[in-house]
Protein backbone atom coordinates (compact mmCIF):
# COMPACT_ATOMS: atom_id res chain seq x y z
CA MET A 1 0.00 0.00 0.00
CA VAL A 2 1.40 3.41 -0.92
CA ASP A 3 2.18 6.04 1.70
CA ARG A 4 -1.13 7.71 2.55
CA PRO A 5 -2.67 8.98 5.78
CA TYR A 6 -4.24 5.56 6.44
CA ARG A 7 -3.61 2.93 9.08
CA PRO A 8 -3.12 -0.44 7.34
CA LEU A 9 -5.86 -3.03 7.84
CA GLY A 10 -4.28 -5.91 5.94
CA SER A 11 -4.70 -7.09 2.38
CA ARG A 12 -6.43 -9.70 0.25
CA LEU A 13 -5.87 -11.25 -3.17
CA ILE A 14 -9.03 -10.66 -5.23
CA ALA A 15 -9.30 -11.94 -8.81
CA GLY A 16 -5.53 -12.07 -9.02
CA ARG A 17 -5.07 -8.51 -7.75
CA ARG A 18 -3.82 -7.48 -4.32
CA ALA A 19 -6.24 -5.19 -2.43
CA TYR A 20 -4.97 -3.28 0.61
CA GLY A 21 -7.34 -1.97 3.27
CA GLY A 22 -6.71 1.18 5.29
CA LEU A 23 -8.33 3.35 7.94
CA ALA A 24 -8.17 7.12 7.48
CA ARG A 25 -6.27 9.16 10.06
CA THR A 26 -7.62 12.57 8.94
CA VAL A 27 -11.06 14.09 8.36
CA ILE A 28 -10.21 15.75 5.04
CA ASP A 29 -9.13 13.46 2.22
CA SER A 30 -8.98 15.05 -1.24
CA GLU A 31 -7.92 11.80 -2.92
CA TRP A 32 -10.97 9.95 -1.59
CA ASP A 33 -13.21 12.81 -2.69
CA ALA A 34 -11.70 12.76 -6.18
CA PHE A 35 -12.32 9.01 -6.40
CA LEU A 36 -15.97 9.52 -5.45
CA GLN A 37 -16.47 12.35 -7.95
CA ALA A 38 -15.10 10.19 -10.76
CA SER A 39 -17.33 7.24 -9.81
CA PRO A 40 -20.81 6.94 -11.39
CA ILE A 41 -22.12 5.87 -7.96
CA GLY A 42 -20.23 8.44 -5.87
CA HIS A 43 -22.32 10.84 -3.77
CA PHE A 44 -21.39 13.90 -1.73
CA GLN A 45 -22.69 12.28 1.47
CA GLN A 46 -19.73 9.89 1.36
CA SER A 47 -17.17 12.65 0.86
CA SER A 48 -14.71 13.94 3.42
CA LEU A 49 -16.16 17.40 2.72
CA TRP A 50 -19.50 16.19 4.07
CA ALA A 51 -17.78 14.67 7.09
CA GLN A 52 -16.22 18.06 7.76
CA THR A 53 -19.64 19.74 7.76
CA LYS A 54 -21.07 17.19 10.21
CA LEU A 55 -18.40 17.69 12.87
CA SER A 56 -20.22 20.77 14.15
CA GLU A 57 -23.34 18.66 14.73
CA GLY A 58 -21.53 16.01 16.75
CA TRP A 59 -20.92 13.45 14.00
CA HIS A 60 -17.50 11.84 13.67
CA PRO A 61 -16.29 10.00 10.57
CA ILE A 62 -14.72 6.59 10.25
CA ARG A 63 -13.40 6.23 6.71
CA CYS A 64 -12.06 2.99 5.28
CA ILE A 65 -10.55 2.59 1.82
CA PHE A 66 -8.92 -0.14 -0.17
CA THR A 67 -6.36 0.30 -2.91
CA VAL A 68 -5.47 -1.81 -5.94
CA ASP A 69 -2.31 -1.08 -7.93
CA ASP A 70 -1.59 1.87 -5.61
CA ARG A 71 -4.87 3.58 -6.45
CA ILE A 72 -8.07 3.89 -4.42
CA ALA A 73 -10.55 1.33 -5.71
CA GLY A 74 -13.25 1.50 -3.06
CA GLY A 75 -14.24 2.33 0.46
CA PHE A 76 -16.86 3.77 2.74
CA GLN A 77 -17.39 6.50 5.31
CA ILE A 78 -19.41 5.92 8.46
CA LEU A 79 -20.66 8.91 10.43
CA THR A 80 -20.97 8.06 14.11
CA ARG A 81 -22.63 9.73 17.07
CA GLN A 82 -23.63 8.89 20.61
CA SER A 83 -27.25 7.87 21.23
CA ARG A 84 -29.17 6.46 24.15
CA MET A 85 -28.19 3.00 22.93
CA GLY A 86 -24.51 3.85 22.65
CA THR A 87 -22.50 4.81 19.56
CA ILE A 88 -24.48 4.39 16.34
CA GLY A 89 -23.12 4.57 12.80
CA TYR A 90 -24.76 5.69 9.56
CA LEU A 91 -23.30 4.75 6.19
CA TYR A 92 -25.30 6.68 3.61
CA LYS A 93 -24.69 6.17 -0.16
CA GLY A 94 -21.94 3.63 0.42
CA PRO A 95 -19.89 1.47 0.26
CA VAL A 96 -18.48 2.50 -3.12
CA SER A 97 -16.36 0.13 -5.18
CA ALA A 98 -14.73 0.34 -8.60
CA PRO A 99 -15.35 -2.14 -10.01
CA ASP A 100 -18.74 -2.62 -8.39
CA GLU A 101 -18.23 -6.38 -8.31
CA PRO A 102 -19.18 -9.03 -5.69
CA ALA A 103 -15.64 -9.98 -4.66
CA PHE A 104 -14.70 -6.37 -3.90
CA LEU A 105 -18.02 -5.66 -2.21
CA ASP A 106 -17.57 -8.73 -0.02
CA TYR A 107 -14.19 -7.38 1.06
CA LEU A 108 -15.68 -3.98 1.89
CA LEU A 109 -18.50 -5.51 3.92
CA GLU A 110 -16.07 -7.67 5.87
CA LEU A 111 -14.05 -4.54 6.64
CA LEU A 112 -17.24 -2.75 7.66
CA VAL A 113 -18.29 -5.47 10.09
CA SER A 114 -14.78 -5.61 11.55
CA ILE A 115 -14.66 -1.83 12.02
CA ALA A 116 -18.10 -1.79 13.64
CA ARG A 117 -16.97 -4.31 16.21
CA THR A 118 -13.55 -2.74 16.80
CA ASN A 119 -15.10 0.69 17.37
CA GLN A 120 -17.85 -0.76 19.57
CA LEU A 121 -20.65 0.54 17.37
CA LYS A 122 -23.96 -0.77 18.65
CA ALA A 123 -25.42 -0.69 15.17
CA VAL A 124 -24.67 0.60 11.67
CA ILE A 125 -27.42 1.62 9.26
CA VAL A 126 -26.43 1.30 5.61
CA GLN A 127 -28.03 2.52 2.41
CA PRO A 128 -25.98 1.62 -0.69
CA PRO A 129 -25.37 4.13 -3.51
CA ASP A 130 -28.28 4.75 -5.84
CA GLU A 131 -27.19 2.42 -8.66
CA SER A 132 -24.95 0.03 -6.78
CA LYS A 133 -25.13 -3.73 -7.24
CA LEU A 134 -25.06 -4.02 -3.46
CA ASN A 135 -28.64 -5.15 -2.82
CA GLY A 136 -30.46 -6.42 0.25
CA ALA A 137 -29.78 -10.08 -0.49
CA PHE A 138 -26.06 -9.38 -0.77
CA LEU A 139 -26.03 -7.48 2.53
CA ALA A 140 -28.01 -10.24 4.23
CA ARG A 141 -25.11 -12.64 3.67
CA HIS A 142 -23.09 -10.44 6.02
CA HIS A 143 -25.84 -10.36 8.71
CA PHE A 144 -27.35 -7.01 7.66
CA LEU A 145 -31.06 -7.04 8.47
CA PRO A 146 -33.97 -4.97 7.10
CA ASN A 147 -33.95 -1.54 8.73
CA ARG A 148 -37.07 -0.86 10.79
CA ILE A 149 -35.49 1.72 13.06
CA VAL A 150 -34.77 4.78 10.92
CA ASP A 151 -36.77 6.14 8.01
CA VAL A 152 -34.32 6.55 5.13
CA ILE A 153 -35.28 8.29 1.88
CA SER A 154 -36.23 5.50 -0.53
CA ALA A 155 -37.02 7.31 -3.79
CA THR A 156 -35.99 10.42 -5.66
CA LEU A 157 -36.70 12.51 -8.75
CA LEU A 158 -34.04 13.06 -11.41
CA VAL A 159 -33.74 15.46 -14.34
CA ASN A 160 -31.47 14.32 -17.17
CA LEU A 161 -29.39 17.35 -18.17
CA SER A 162 -27.48 15.64 -20.99
CA PHE A 163 -29.63 16.91 -23.86
CA GLY A 164 -29.82 20.55 -22.83
CA MET A 165 -32.49 22.97 -21.67
CA THR A 166 -34.62 22.76 -24.81
CA ASP A 167 -35.20 19.08 -24.13
CA ILE A 168 -35.91 19.76 -20.46
CA VAL A 169 -38.46 22.49 -21.25
CA ASN A 170 -40.18 20.19 -23.75
CA ARG A 171 -40.62 17.57 -21.01
CA MET A 172 -41.85 20.00 -18.36
CA ARG A 173 -45.50 20.26 -17.38
CA LYS A 174 -47.12 22.95 -19.50
CA SER A 175 -48.50 24.77 -16.47
CA THR A 176 -45.00 24.92 -14.96
CA VAL A 177 -43.59 26.43 -18.15
CA VAL A 178 -46.37 29.03 -18.07
CA GLN A 179 -45.63 29.83 -14.42
CA VAL A 180 -41.91 30.31 -15.12
CA LYS A 181 -42.75 32.76 -17.90
CA ARG A 182 -45.22 34.61 -15.69
CA ALA A 183 -42.64 34.89 -12.92
CA ARG A 184 -40.27 36.66 -15.28
CA ARG A 185 -42.99 38.97 -16.63
CA ARG A 186 -44.13 39.82 -13.10
CA GLY A 187 -40.72 41.05 -12.04
CA VAL A 188 -39.17 38.11 -10.17
CA VAL A 189 -35.38 38.47 -10.32
CA ILE A 190 -33.00 35.56 -9.73
CA ARG A 191 -29.56 36.22 -8.32
CA GLU A 192 -26.74 34.07 -7.04
CA GLY A 193 -26.39 34.39 -3.30
CA GLY A 194 -23.15 34.69 -1.40
CA GLU A 195 -21.98 33.95 2.11
CA THR A 196 -23.75 37.02 3.43
CA ASP A 197 -27.07 35.56 2.20
CA ILE A 198 -26.87 32.39 4.31
CA HIS A 199 -28.78 34.08 7.13
CA THR A 200 -31.52 35.10 4.69
CA PHE A 201 -31.79 31.60 3.25
CA PHE A 202 -32.00 30.02 6.69
CA SER A 203 -34.85 32.40 7.53
CA LEU A 204 -36.66 31.26 4.36
CA MET A 205 -36.18 27.63 5.41
CA LYS A 206 -37.56 28.33 8.87
CA SER A 207 -40.56 30.15 7.43
CA THR A 208 -41.41 27.16 5.25
CA CYS A 209 -41.01 24.75 8.15
CA GLU A 210 -43.26 26.81 10.40
CA ARG A 211 -46.05 26.60 7.84
CA GLN A 212 -45.51 22.86 7.44
CA ARG A 213 -45.26 22.33 11.22
CA THR A 214 -41.83 20.77 11.12
CA THR A 215 -38.27 21.78 11.94
CA PRO A 216 -35.51 22.80 9.54
CA VAL A 217 -32.71 20.40 8.71
CA PRO A 218 -29.99 21.47 9.33
CA SER A 219 -31.42 22.99 12.48
CA THR A 220 -28.97 25.89 12.77
CA GLU A 221 -27.56 28.59 10.57
CA ALA A 222 -24.07 27.52 11.72
CA ALA A 223 -24.59 24.07 10.19
CA LEU A 224 -25.57 25.64 6.87
CA ARG A 225 -22.49 27.83 7.03
CA ALA A 226 -20.34 24.74 7.62
CA VAL A 227 -21.62 23.24 4.35
CA TRP A 228 -20.81 26.49 2.55
CA GLU A 229 -17.30 26.65 3.97
CA ALA A 230 -16.54 23.03 3.08
CA PHE A 231 -17.93 22.91 -0.46
CA ARG A 232 -17.57 26.49 -1.72
CA PRO A 233 -13.77 26.39 -2.34
CA GLN A 234 -14.39 23.55 -4.84
CA ASP A 235 -17.35 25.38 -6.45
CA GLY A 236 -19.48 22.67 -4.87
CA VAL A 237 -22.29 24.83 -3.55
CA ARG A 238 -24.61 27.36 -5.13
CA LEU A 239 -27.33 29.46 -3.54
CA SER A 240 -30.05 30.84 -5.83
CA LEU A 241 -32.38 33.54 -4.51
CA ALA A 242 -35.59 34.94 -5.99
CA ASP A 243 -36.24 38.62 -5.27
CA CYS A 244 -39.59 40.37 -5.58
CA GLU A 245 -39.66 44.13 -5.22
CA GLY A 246 -36.10 43.90 -3.91
CA GLU A 247 -37.08 41.42 -1.19
CA PRO A 248 -35.66 37.86 -1.16
CA VAL A 249 -38.70 35.58 -0.98
CA ALA A 250 -37.53 32.14 -2.18
CA GLY A 251 -34.29 30.24 -2.50
CA MET A 252 -32.69 26.94 -3.48
CA TRP A 253 -29.40 25.57 -2.18
CA CYS A 254 -27.65 23.18 -4.57
CA ILE A 255 -24.64 20.94 -3.98
CA ARG A 256 -22.48 19.96 -6.93
CA PHE A 257 -20.47 16.77 -6.64
CA GLY A 258 -19.01 15.26 -9.77
CA GLN A 259 -21.60 15.56 -12.54
CA ARG A 260 -24.56 15.35 -10.16
CA ILE A 261 -26.20 18.50 -8.85
CA THR A 262 -28.50 17.97 -5.88
CA GLY A 263 -31.30 20.39 -5.04
CA TRP A 264 -30.48 20.00 -1.36
CA LYS A 265 -32.59 22.64 0.42
CA LYS A 266 -35.36 25.09 -0.40
CA GLY A 267 -37.12 27.92 1.36
CA TRP A 268 -39.97 30.38 0.79
CA SER A 269 -41.24 33.28 2.87
CA GLY A 270 -44.80 32.71 1.68
CA ALA A 271 -44.93 36.10 -0.05
CA TYR A 272 -45.94 36.84 -3.66
CA PRO A 273 -47.34 33.40 -4.57
CA GLU A 274 -49.08 34.93 -7.59
CA ARG A 275 -45.65 35.78 -9.03
CA TYR A 276 -44.39 32.16 -8.83
CA PRO A 277 -40.93 32.85 -7.37
CA ASN A 278 -40.46 29.19 -6.41
CA GLN A 279 -41.01 27.93 -9.94
CA LEU A 280 -38.50 30.40 -11.32
CA VAL A 281 -35.82 29.76 -8.70
CA ALA A 282 -36.04 25.98 -9.26
CA PHE A 283 -35.99 26.42 -13.04
CA GLU A 284 -32.97 28.70 -12.83
CA ALA A 285 -31.13 26.18 -10.63
CA ILE A 286 -31.69 23.46 -13.23
CA GLU A 287 -30.66 25.87 -15.98
CA TRP A 288 -27.44 26.70 -14.11
CA ALA A 289 -26.70 23.00 -13.54
CA CYS A 290 -27.16 22.32 -17.24
CA ARG A 291 -25.13 25.34 -18.34
CA THR A 292 -22.17 24.42 -16.17
CA GLY A 293 -21.82 20.86 -17.44
CA GLY A 294 -23.91 18.83 -15.00
CA LYS A 295 -25.40 15.58 -16.24
CA LEU A 296 -28.02 14.94 -13.58
CA PHE A 297 -30.16 17.14 -11.35
CA ASP A 298 -31.39 15.31 -8.25
CA PHE A 299 -34.35 16.64 -6.26
CA SER A 300 -33.06 14.40 -3.42
CA ALA A 301 -36.37 12.83 -2.30
CA MET A 302 -39.90 11.88 -3.24
CA ASP A 303 -42.74 9.74 -1.96
CA ARG A 304 -42.00 6.10 -2.74
CA LYS A 305 -45.59 5.23 -3.67
CA ILE A 306 -45.69 8.03 -6.22
CA ALA A 307 -42.35 6.84 -7.62
CA VAL A 308 -43.63 3.26 -7.92
CA ASP A 309 -46.77 4.45 -9.72
CA MET A 310 -44.72 6.52 -12.15
CA ILE A 311 -42.37 3.64 -12.93
CA ARG A 312 -45.31 1.28 -13.48
CA GLY A 313 -47.06 3.81 -15.70
CA VAL A 314 -50.02 4.10 -13.31
CA PRO A 315 -51.82 7.46 -13.64
CA LEU A 316 -51.15 9.67 -10.63
CA ASP A 317 -54.21 10.18 -8.49
CA GLU A 318 -55.58 13.39 -6.98
CA ASN A 319 -53.61 12.83 -3.77
CA CYS A 320 -50.41 13.38 -5.73
CA GLU A 321 -51.60 16.81 -6.85
CA VAL A 322 -51.70 18.03 -3.26
CA SER A 323 -48.43 16.37 -2.28
CA ARG A 324 -45.05 18.04 -1.89
CA ASP A 325 -43.81 16.13 -4.95
CA TRP A 326 -46.29 17.68 -7.36
CA PHE A 327 -44.23 20.85 -7.68
CA ASN A 328 -41.02 18.94 -8.52
CA LEU A 329 -42.85 16.71 -10.98
CA GLY A 330 -43.55 19.79 -13.07
CA PHE A 331 -39.95 19.77 -14.27
CA GLY A 332 -40.24 16.56 -16.27
CA ASN A 333 -38.50 14.24 -13.88
CA THR A 334 -37.76 10.54 -13.91
CA ALA A 335 -38.59 8.63 -10.74
CA GLN A 336 -35.92 6.40 -9.24
CA LEU A 337 -36.30 3.88 -6.42
CA LEU A 338 -33.33 3.86 -4.07
CA PRO A 339 -31.72 0.78 -2.52
CA GLU A 340 -33.22 -0.74 0.59
CA SER A 341 -31.52 0.37 3.80
CA ARG A 342 -30.20 -2.31 6.16
CA ILE A 343 -28.93 -2.45 9.73
CA TYR A 344 -26.02 -4.34 11.20
CA ILE A 345 -26.31 -5.02 14.95
CA SER A 346 -22.97 -5.91 16.48
CA ASN A 347 -24.18 -7.87 19.50
CA PRO A 348 -25.35 -11.35 18.39
CA ILE A 349 -27.99 -11.53 21.14
CA ALA A 350 -29.39 -8.10 20.27
CA ARG A 351 -29.38 -9.11 16.60
CA PHE A 352 -31.31 -12.28 17.45
CA LEU A 353 -33.87 -10.32 19.46
CA TYR A 354 -34.25 -7.75 16.68
CA LYS A 355 -34.99 -10.55 14.19
CA GLY A 356 -37.33 -12.41 16.49
CA VAL A 357 -39.24 -9.46 17.93
CA VAL A 358 -38.96 -6.38 15.74
CA LEU A 359 -38.94 -8.03 12.32
CA ALA A 360 -41.17 -10.96 13.13
CA HIS A 361 -43.87 -8.95 14.91
CA GLY A 362 -43.42 -5.49 13.42
CA LEU A 363 -43.12 -3.78 16.80
CA ALA A 364 -40.90 -0.96 15.55
CA ARG A 365 -42.00 1.73 13.18
CA PRO A 366 -39.57 3.90 11.20
CA HIS A 367 -38.99 7.43 12.41
CA ARG A 368 -37.03 10.14 10.67
CA ALA A 369 -33.43 10.62 11.81
CA ASP A 370 -33.30 14.24 10.77
CA PRO A 371 -29.73 14.98 11.88
CA LEU A 372 -28.40 12.83 9.04
CA PHE A 373 -31.07 11.61 6.66
CA GLU A 374 -32.28 14.92 5.38
CA GLY A 375 -35.94 15.49 6.12
CA ARG A 376 -38.29 17.01 3.60
CA GLY A 377 -39.66 19.76 5.81
CA THR A 378 -37.88 22.46 3.80
CA GLU A 379 -39.72 21.68 0.59
CA PHE A 380 -42.29 24.19 -0.57
CA GLY A 381 -44.10 22.18 -3.24
CA SER A 382 -47.41 21.70 -1.45
CA GLU A 383 -47.81 25.42 -0.94
CA HIS A 384 -47.79 26.32 -4.62
CA PRO A 385 -50.84 27.32 -6.60
CA VAL A 386 -51.35 24.68 -9.29
CA ASN A 387 -52.98 26.87 -11.94
């Protein structure tokens, strides 16, 4: 293994190639981030930049990588935090392997189980990357059980940016196109926000959450600022604001990682709904993503039932039209189901009880773990006029 800031974890011969495992000694790791950005299944939530932002909220990273031919070929990042049960780990959008093949994934999962035990993690919740071959059956071979503890986002909406804005506009809902045009005619102005606008955007988030009777995620302006400070030097964050009469009334916070742009957070003051500032700010964010070379715009979440209906070609019912997803659907999206989340419980007795009680009798019900799995309380879709 080449000289990197990793503590060696041994090696294994896989398909005639020697793979070396290592445990990161530092929070920031530009080489790992570059590997993720180059991978078709790499997501910002696995990056060391994301780990840096979560430190302020009490999360601590454990990052494991393996190298082949002196180059990173895979790995994972667990974010850990104390809970009433003890230390719990969350591995979101990982592990990542190149190639995404069973032998390498087996090695990563064995490393994961070993690290969980060594670090005395009571449990680790895992959701593989969106298009990984690492499915539930594969995870089950390593004693990962269906997750009934934490509600993890299980579907999302994607906009393919590859064919340009003309194609996107042609696939948009006609009423959304009309609303975007009306927003421009009625004086809505879009501008790119800077660091000084973070306070304004957080206020917009809070205003939305108050109307939807939920709490903002992140819960503090400082946490938002941490994301800005980590991603901005790499042009990885963009804040779009919609002004009406000189007043900022709506905004969208996007994170760029590789060729994927994620519409991470939104906010709206509730003012000027007849001018459609939300439609224009979302459209402009997609337009910016397309103009700057992005290949995919990810709205980051949607209702799984709606996604299943879309994929099956089932007409969406009237309940969809009053859902938070209806607004996002106006931009001509493709629904995608995300991999099943699983949980590894380190203690064999606790694992046995979980299988025999929780899974067998359905005693647990998922609840949202808003500190990590981003809640949808900052979405403003359900508050839009549909006409």
